[in-house]
Amino acid sequence: MPTCPPNAEMRADTRSSDFALIGHQESWSRISRIVHHLRSKEKPPLSVETLKETIPWIPARPIVRLRCRSILGDAVDGIYIETFLTPEELAVGPLRRSLQRIEDAIAVAEREGARIAALGGFTSIMLESRTRLTRSPTTVLSTGNSLTAAFIVKGVEQAAALIGLPIEDATLLVIGATGDVGSACSSYFAPRVRRLLLAARRLNQLEAFGRALGGEGCETRWGVEAGVLLPEADIIIAAASMARPLIDLTGCRPAALVCDAGYPKNIQATAVSGPRLFHGGMGRSLGGWTSDSLLDAFYEFPVQHVAHGCLLEGIVLALERRYEPFSQGRGNITPQRIEEIYAIAARHGFVPAPFFNHRGLWPNQPTELLGGKAVATARTGATAS
């Protein structure tokens, strides 16, 4: 499969990139779209069964080249590197083969001359956990989780205001509370909500984290069964590491505000309908970007220039000329770091994405949330009900 050609506006020297974005797809349907976009149109389509046999042999590679613009007038060039991690590999966890694929993707970023690389989704395990790289890369690495957390918490605040839900009177449930993003959201909202509920898999870590937040004067409860806490929550942030949507929210309050910030998604799509569920951690570039058409093969959102916060952090840091590991390790994202990266992003025109879910855009969003005249026409069916 040939690599995609660089856009005509981009640098002739494609070996010199300001940033690299490293990621994976959450489903075989998305992997299929990428593969068939790269294949010659004269060739017959491949079945999912054939893809499952073929993908493990495809090495990490750059499949998108793009130029991203700041509203201040600056621009940076970069690449998106696909690891071709499969949904099955995501489900079983960080096996040696999966970790090697991520290291291979980092090596590709180095060969492309990227000064900074953001590790999106599962690939951030290399920097979040105790997993160590087998060598020291010359490209600066960041998980991108700080900007993800910033877009989540700011998005929740905006959504709550939109539906008339006072944050200070609310009970907030964070699912995946001891993870890097979940703990950042919990710490941010601890002094801002009436009560904080925490859910995570490992009870020992959960208890230690809950007691630390409670020691700061926040009324806090925790448990390993999120379903037990659901009926009490006015706001729910789902930020757990799951290979597929497993959380059933049928037991939550009918008027609850739900932010699904997982990648892959945490919440079963049929569990909540209407405008109170939105996909969080997403950002929108008001300056926009230019790329080949492949980007649309797997980034299908109701408006243009929307992407995951973890990837956008790499672009934002490149625009700011801050080639540093802004997000590394688990539990290091403080409210102050959230405010810092959010301010940097806003300065360059990167803002929380308009509210949308699997049904499409929320109706009746203010013009400023939609980006004014810059918003693209919503795709067919992009209305929530």
Protein backbone atom coordinates (compact mmCIF):
# COMPACT_ATOMS: atom_id res chain seq x y z
CA MET A 1 0.00 0.00 0.00
CA PRO A 2 1.60 3.29 -1.02
CA THR A 3 1.93 6.08 1.47
CA CYS A 4 -0.24 9.09 0.86
CA PRO A 5 1.34 11.99 -1.05
CA PRO A 6 2.05 15.20 0.84
CA ASN A 7 -0.23 18.14 0.21
CA ALA A 8 1.08 20.62 -2.33
CA GLU A 9 1.15 23.38 0.30
CA MET A 10 3.47 21.44 2.56
CA ARG A 11 7.21 21.51 2.69
CA ALA A 12 9.09 19.74 -0.05
CA ASP A 13 11.23 18.14 2.64
CA THR A 14 8.77 15.73 4.24
CA ARG A 15 11.55 14.35 6.41
CA SER A 16 11.44 17.45 8.57
CA SER A 17 8.26 17.48 10.66
CA ASP A 18 7.36 19.78 13.51
CA PHE A 19 5.21 17.10 15.13
CA ALA A 20 4.03 13.52 14.85
CA LEU A 21 0.73 12.07 16.03
CA ILE A 22 0.76 8.37 16.92
CA GLY A 23 -2.50 6.48 17.21
CA HIS A 24 -4.68 3.48 16.40
CA GLN A 25 -8.23 2.71 15.35
CA GLU A 26 -10.93 1.45 17.71
CA SER A 27 -12.73 -0.88 15.29
CA TRP A 28 -12.18 -3.06 12.26
CA SER A 29 -14.54 -0.88 10.24
CA ARG A 30 -12.20 2.10 10.70
CA ILE A 31 -9.13 0.01 9.91
CA SER A 32 -10.92 -1.20 6.78
CA ARG A 33 -11.61 2.38 5.64
CA ILE A 34 -7.93 3.28 5.94
CA VAL A 35 -6.70 0.19 4.13
CA HIS A 36 -9.17 0.56 1.27
CA HIS A 37 -8.34 4.22 0.89
CA LEU A 38 -4.67 3.34 0.52
CA ARG A 39 -5.30 0.46 -1.88
CA SER A 40 -5.75 0.93 -5.59
CA LYS A 41 -9.42 1.45 -6.42
CA GLU A 42 -9.13 -1.14 -9.17
CA LYS A 43 -8.45 -3.87 -6.61
CA PRO A 44 -11.38 -5.75 -5.07
CA PRO A 45 -12.28 -4.93 -1.43
CA LEU A 46 -10.83 -7.08 1.32
CA SER A 47 -13.02 -8.91 3.79
CA VAL A 48 -12.62 -8.36 7.52
CA GLU A 49 -11.29 -11.91 7.80
CA THR A 50 -8.56 -11.11 5.26
CA LEU A 51 -7.76 -7.86 7.05
CA LYS A 52 -7.35 -9.71 10.33
CA GLU A 53 -4.76 -11.93 8.68
CA THR A 54 -3.00 -9.05 6.90
CA ILE A 55 -2.88 -6.16 9.38
CA PRO A 56 -0.44 -7.85 11.84
CA TRP A 57 2.13 -7.79 9.03
CA ILE A 58 1.79 -4.09 8.25
CA PRO A 59 4.41 -2.01 10.09
CA ALA A 60 3.70 1.35 11.70
CA ARG A 61 3.78 4.04 9.03
CA PRO A 62 2.82 7.65 8.34
CA ILE A 63 -0.51 7.71 6.51
CA VAL A 64 -1.42 11.40 6.74
CA ARG A 65 0.63 14.55 6.25
CA LEU A 66 -0.94 17.78 7.38
CA ARG A 67 -0.31 21.48 7.94
CA CYS A 68 -2.02 22.98 10.98
CA ARG A 69 -2.62 26.69 11.43
CA SER A 70 -2.79 28.93 14.46
CA ILE A 71 -5.26 31.81 14.51
CA LEU A 72 -2.17 33.92 15.17
CA GLY A 73 -1.00 33.21 11.63
CA ASP A 74 1.69 30.59 12.28
CA ALA A 75 1.62 27.08 10.87
CA VAL A 76 3.33 23.76 11.58
CA ASP A 77 3.72 20.61 9.50
CA GLY A 78 3.33 17.09 10.81
CA ILE A 79 2.33 13.51 10.21
CA TYR A 80 -0.13 11.00 11.61
CA ILE A 81 1.45 7.59 12.19
CA GLU A 82 -0.85 4.57 12.34
CA THR A 83 0.36 1.76 14.59
CA PHE A 84 -2.17 -0.72 13.17
CA LEU A 85 -2.87 -2.04 16.65
CA THR A 86 -5.96 -4.22 16.34
CA PRO A 87 -9.09 -4.17 18.54
CA GLU A 88 -8.09 -7.61 19.80
CA GLU A 89 -4.69 -6.35 20.89
CA LEU A 90 -6.36 -3.47 22.73
CA ALA A 91 -8.59 -5.95 24.55
CA VAL A 92 -5.80 -8.12 25.95
CA GLY A 93 -3.65 -5.24 27.17
CA PRO A 94 -0.01 -4.18 26.75
CA LEU A 95 1.59 -7.37 25.46
CA ARG A 96 5.15 -7.28 24.21
CA ARG A 97 4.03 -7.26 20.58
CA SER A 98 1.73 -4.28 21.14
CA LEU A 99 4.44 -2.34 22.92
CA GLN A 100 6.87 -3.12 20.12
CA ARG A 101 4.42 -1.66 17.60
CA ILE A 102 4.31 1.56 19.60
CA GLU A 103 8.11 1.69 19.78
CA ASP A 104 8.23 1.13 16.02
CA ALA A 105 5.87 4.08 15.53
CA ILE A 106 8.11 6.27 17.69
CA ALA A 107 11.07 5.21 15.52
CA VAL A 108 9.09 6.29 12.44
CA ALA A 109 8.52 9.70 14.04
CA GLU A 110 12.27 10.00 14.59
CA ARG A 111 13.07 9.08 11.00
CA GLU A 112 10.60 11.72 9.84
CA GLY A 113 12.46 14.31 11.90
CA ALA A 114 9.52 15.05 14.22
CA ARG A 115 10.54 17.28 17.11
CA ILE A 116 7.63 16.19 19.30
CA ALA A 117 5.22 13.24 19.17
CA ALA A 118 1.86 12.88 20.89
CA LEU A 119 0.88 9.33 21.79
CA GLY A 120 -2.88 8.96 21.46
CA GLY A 121 -5.25 6.38 22.94
CA PHE A 122 -3.70 3.07 24.00
CA THR A 123 -0.24 4.13 22.80
CA SER A 124 0.07 6.44 25.82
CA ILE A 125 0.65 3.33 27.97
CA MET A 126 4.33 3.78 27.15
CA LEU A 127 4.45 7.02 29.12
CA GLU A 128 1.62 6.57 31.64
CA SER A 129 2.70 3.33 33.29
CA ARG A 130 5.96 1.78 34.39
CA THR A 131 6.58 0.47 30.89
CA ARG A 132 9.97 1.58 29.68
CA LEU A 133 11.19 2.20 26.17
CA THR A 134 14.09 0.00 25.14
CA ARG A 135 16.01 3.10 24.05
CA SER A 136 15.94 6.86 24.46
CA PRO A 137 14.21 8.46 21.46
CA THR A 138 15.45 11.76 20.09
CA THR A 139 11.86 12.89 19.49
CA VAL A 140 10.19 14.41 22.56
CA LEU A 141 7.21 12.32 23.68
CA SER A 142 3.97 13.39 25.35
CA THR A 143 0.78 11.45 26.07
CA GLY A 144 -1.43 14.40 25.22
CA ASN A 145 -3.53 13.64 28.29
CA SER A 146 -3.29 17.14 29.73
CA LEU A 147 -5.14 18.74 26.83
CA THR A 148 -7.58 15.83 26.77
CA ALA A 149 -8.39 16.44 30.43
CA ALA A 150 -8.67 20.18 29.77
CA PHE A 151 -11.19 19.69 26.97
CA ILE A 152 -13.16 17.27 29.17
CA VAL A 153 -13.50 19.53 32.21
CA LYS A 154 -14.09 22.71 30.21
CA GLY A 155 -16.58 20.85 28.06
CA VAL A 156 -18.46 19.59 31.10
CA GLU A 157 -18.60 23.12 32.50
CA GLN A 158 -19.94 24.49 29.22
CA ALA A 159 -22.46 21.67 28.79
CA ALA A 160 -23.72 22.05 32.36
CA ALA A 161 -24.23 25.77 31.81
CA LEU A 162 -26.03 25.06 28.52
CA ILE A 163 -28.59 22.76 30.17
CA GLY A 164 -28.90 24.83 33.35
CA LEU A 165 -27.14 22.45 35.73
CA PRO A 166 -25.21 24.28 38.52
CA ILE A 167 -21.83 22.58 38.91
CA GLU A 168 -21.50 23.67 42.55
CA ASP A 169 -24.71 21.82 43.47
CA ALA A 170 -23.95 18.67 41.47
CA THR A 171 -22.81 15.18 42.36
CA LEU A 172 -20.10 14.10 39.91
CA LEU A 173 -19.17 10.48 39.15
CA VAL A 174 -15.81 9.79 37.48
CA ILE A 175 -15.47 6.28 36.02
CA GLY A 176 -11.81 5.35 35.60
CA ALA A 177 -10.95 7.76 38.41
CA THR A 178 -7.42 6.48 39.08
CA GLY A 179 -6.29 6.64 35.46
CA ASP A 180 -4.24 9.54 34.19
CA VAL A 181 -7.16 11.44 32.66
CA GLY A 182 -9.72 10.33 35.25
CA SER A 183 -7.57 11.42 38.19
CA ALA A 184 -6.91 14.78 36.51
CA CYS A 185 -10.66 15.39 36.07
CA SER A 186 -11.36 14.29 39.65
CA SER A 187 -8.75 16.64 41.09
CA TYR A 188 -10.01 19.52 38.97
CA PHE A 189 -13.64 19.13 40.02
CA ALA A 190 -13.06 18.20 43.68
CA PRO A 191 -13.30 21.82 44.93
CA ARG A 192 -15.98 22.70 42.39
CA VAL A 193 -18.78 20.15 42.96
CA ARG A 194 -20.96 19.37 45.95
CA ARG A 195 -20.02 15.69 46.03
CA LEU A 196 -17.54 13.49 44.18
CA LEU A 197 -18.05 9.79 43.40
CA LEU A 198 -15.10 7.72 42.17
CA ALA A 199 -15.12 4.36 40.40
CA ALA A 200 -12.11 2.31 39.28
CA ARG A 201 -11.00 -1.32 39.05
CA ARG A 202 -8.29 -1.42 41.74
CA LEU A 203 -9.71 -0.81 45.20
CA ASN A 204 -6.40 -0.06 46.94
CA GLN A 205 -5.49 2.72 44.51
CA LEU A 206 -9.05 4.01 44.60
CA GLU A 207 -9.15 4.22 48.39
CA ALA A 208 -5.83 6.06 48.55
CA PHE A 209 -6.90 8.54 45.90
CA GLY A 210 -10.35 9.04 47.42
CA ARG A 211 -8.95 9.69 50.88
CA ALA A 212 -6.47 12.21 49.46
CA LEU A 213 -9.27 14.17 47.79
CA GLY A 214 -11.48 13.83 50.85
CA GLY A 215 -8.70 15.17 53.00
CA GLU A 216 -8.96 18.43 51.08
CA GLY A 217 -12.51 18.92 52.30
CA CYS A 218 -14.33 17.30 49.37
CA GLU A 219 -17.22 14.97 50.23
CA THR A 220 -16.08 11.82 48.46
CA ARG A 221 -17.26 8.24 48.01
CA TRP A 222 -15.74 5.47 45.95
CA GLY A 223 -16.31 1.91 44.79
CA VAL A 224 -15.29 -0.61 42.15
CA GLU A 225 -18.87 -1.02 40.91
CA ALA A 226 -19.81 2.06 38.92
CA GLY A 227 -23.38 0.81 38.59
CA VAL A 228 -23.92 1.21 42.33
CA LEU A 229 -22.96 4.88 42.17
CA LEU A 230 -24.77 5.76 38.94
CA PRO A 231 -28.20 6.58 40.43
CA GLU A 232 -26.65 9.30 42.62
CA ALA A 233 -24.80 11.21 39.89
CA ASP A 234 -25.93 14.42 38.22
CA ILE A 235 -22.81 14.42 36.03
CA ILE A 236 -20.86 11.40 34.78
CA ILE A 237 -17.40 11.41 33.22
CA ALA A 238 -16.42 8.04 31.74
CA ALA A 239 -12.65 7.93 31.20
CA ALA A 240 -11.82 4.26 31.69
CA SER A 241 -9.46 2.22 29.50
CA MET A 242 -11.76 -0.22 27.71
CA ALA A 243 -11.39 -2.06 24.42
CA ARG A 244 -15.12 -1.70 23.69
CA PRO A 245 -18.18 0.05 25.17
CA LEU A 246 -19.09 -1.85 28.33
CA ILE A 247 -20.79 0.74 30.55
CA ASP A 248 -24.56 0.53 30.65
CA LEU A 249 -26.10 3.77 31.91
CA THR A 250 -29.71 2.63 32.06
CA GLY A 251 -29.57 3.05 35.84
CA CYS A 252 -28.48 6.68 35.79
CA ARG A 253 -30.73 9.68 36.40
CA PRO A 254 -32.80 10.63 33.35
CA ALA A 255 -31.49 14.20 33.45
CA ALA A 256 -27.84 13.29 34.09
CA LEU A 257 -25.14 14.96 31.99
CA VAL A 258 -22.85 12.27 30.56
CA CYS A 259 -19.39 12.81 29.07
CA ASP A 260 -17.95 9.75 27.33
CA ALA A 261 -14.25 10.57 27.19
CA GLY A 262 -12.97 7.08 26.46
CA TYR A 263 -11.12 5.99 23.35
CA PRO A 264 -12.37 3.46 22.48
CA LYS A 265 -15.74 4.68 23.75
CA ASN A 266 -16.81 3.55 27.24
CA ILE A 267 -20.58 3.87 27.01
CA GLN A 268 -22.98 1.67 25.12
CA ALA A 269 -24.42 3.84 22.37
CA THR A 270 -28.02 2.85 23.05
CA ALA A 271 -27.80 3.48 26.78
CA VAL A 272 -28.42 7.22 26.69
CA SER A 273 -30.19 9.20 24.00
CA GLY A 274 -30.75 12.88 23.51
CA PRO A 275 -28.55 15.89 24.11
CA ARG A 276 -27.24 15.00 27.59
CA LEU A 277 -24.58 12.59 26.30
CA PHE A 278 -21.55 14.01 24.54
CA HIS A 279 -18.18 12.71 23.41
CA GLY A 280 -15.64 14.52 25.56
CA GLY A 281 -11.94 15.25 25.31
CA MET A 282 -12.40 16.46 21.74
CA GLY A 283 -11.06 19.76 20.43
CA ARG A 284 -11.58 21.89 17.35
CA SER A 285 -9.02 23.97 15.48
CA LEU A 286 -10.43 27.35 14.49
CA GLY A 287 -7.37 27.92 12.30
CA GLY A 288 -7.99 24.61 10.58
CA TRP A 289 -5.60 22.29 8.79
CA THR A 290 -4.80 21.09 5.31
CA SER A 291 -4.26 17.41 4.63
CA ASP A 292 -4.88 14.72 2.08
CA SER A 293 -8.36 13.21 2.02
CA LEU A 294 -7.33 10.15 4.02
CA LEU A 295 -7.89 12.03 7.26
CA ASP A 296 -11.62 11.91 6.59
CA ALA A 297 -11.49 8.14 6.17
CA PHE A 298 -11.35 7.64 9.93
CA TYR A 299 -12.00 11.06 11.47
CA GLU A 300 -15.72 11.33 10.77
CA PHE A 301 -17.20 14.04 12.96
CA PRO A 302 -20.20 16.34 12.47
CA VAL A 303 -17.97 19.39 11.94
CA GLN A 304 -14.61 19.99 10.33
CA HIS A 305 -11.23 20.22 12.06
CA VAL A 306 -12.21 18.20 15.13
CA ALA A 307 -9.78 15.72 16.70
CA HIS A 308 -8.95 14.07 19.99
CA GLY A 309 -7.27 16.28 22.56
CA CYS A 310 -4.40 13.86 23.04
CA LEU A 311 -3.32 14.35 19.43
CA LEU A 312 -4.03 18.07 19.36
CA GLU A 313 -1.65 18.56 22.29
CA GLY A 314 1.27 17.69 20.03
CA ILE A 315 0.14 20.28 17.48
CA VAL A 316 -0.45 22.95 20.12
CA LEU A 317 2.97 22.44 21.69
CA ALA A 318 4.60 22.61 18.26
CA LEU A 319 2.82 25.89 17.49
CA GLU A 320 3.97 27.24 20.85
CA ARG A 321 7.53 26.02 20.11
CA ARG A 322 7.49 24.11 23.38
CA TYR A 323 9.11 20.84 22.41
CA GLU A 324 8.84 19.26 25.84
CA PRO A 325 7.22 16.20 27.47
CA PHE A 326 4.28 18.20 28.79
CA SER A 327 2.32 15.05 29.73
CA GLN A 328 4.19 12.03 31.05
CA GLY A 329 3.59 9.56 33.86
CA ARG A 330 0.32 8.79 35.59
CA GLY A 331 -1.25 11.14 38.09
CA ASN A 332 0.89 14.17 37.27
CA ILE A 333 -1.80 16.33 35.67
CA THR A 334 -2.69 19.01 38.18
CA PRO A 335 -5.47 21.62 37.83
CA GLN A 336 -2.70 24.16 37.22
CA ARG A 337 -1.32 22.12 34.31
CA ILE A 338 -4.83 21.83 32.89
CA GLU A 339 -5.25 25.60 32.96
CA GLU A 340 -1.81 26.11 31.42
CA ILE A 341 -2.28 23.83 28.43
CA TYR A 342 -5.86 25.08 27.94
CA ALA A 343 -4.60 28.68 27.79
CA ILE A 344 -1.90 27.72 25.26
CA ALA A 345 -4.45 25.89 23.12
CA ALA A 346 -6.94 28.77 23.24
CA ARG A 347 -4.25 31.24 22.23
CA HIS A 348 -3.77 29.32 18.99
CA GLY A 349 -7.48 28.78 18.39
CA PHE A 350 -7.90 25.22 19.70
CA VAL A 351 -11.15 25.04 21.67
CA PRO A 352 -13.50 22.32 22.97
CA ALA A 353 -15.42 20.73 20.12
CA PRO A 354 -19.14 21.39 19.71
CA PHE A 355 -21.26 18.91 21.65
CA PHE A 356 -22.06 15.75 19.73
CA ASN A 357 -22.63 12.04 20.28
CA HIS A 358 -23.35 8.96 18.18
CA ARG A 359 -26.59 10.60 17.00
CA GLY A 360 -24.85 13.78 15.84
CA LEU A 361 -24.70 17.38 17.01
CA TRP A 362 -26.64 18.57 20.00
CA PRO A 363 -29.46 20.86 18.88
CA ASN A 364 -29.73 24.51 19.89
CA GLN A 365 -26.04 25.11 20.60
CA PRO A 366 -24.96 28.75 20.83
CA THR A 367 -23.11 30.11 17.82
CA GLU A 368 -19.91 30.58 19.81
CA LEU A 369 -19.81 26.85 20.64
CA LEU A 370 -20.26 25.93 17.00
CA GLY A 371 -17.48 28.25 15.93
CA GLY A 372 -19.69 30.77 14.21
CA LYS A 373 -19.46 30.88 10.41
CA ALA A 374 -16.45 28.57 10.47
CA VAL A 375 -18.56 25.55 11.37
CA ALA A 376 -19.10 23.10 8.54
CA THR A 377 -22.51 21.94 7.50
CA ALA A 378 -23.44 18.96 9.64
CA ARG A 379 -23.41 15.66 7.85
CA THR A 380 -26.63 13.84 7.11
CA GLY A 381 -28.32 12.71 10.31
CA ALA A 382 -26.20 14.95 12.51
CA THR A 383 -29.00 16.04 14.83
CA ALA A 384 -29.55 14.69 18.30
CA SER A 385 -32.95 13.59 19.48
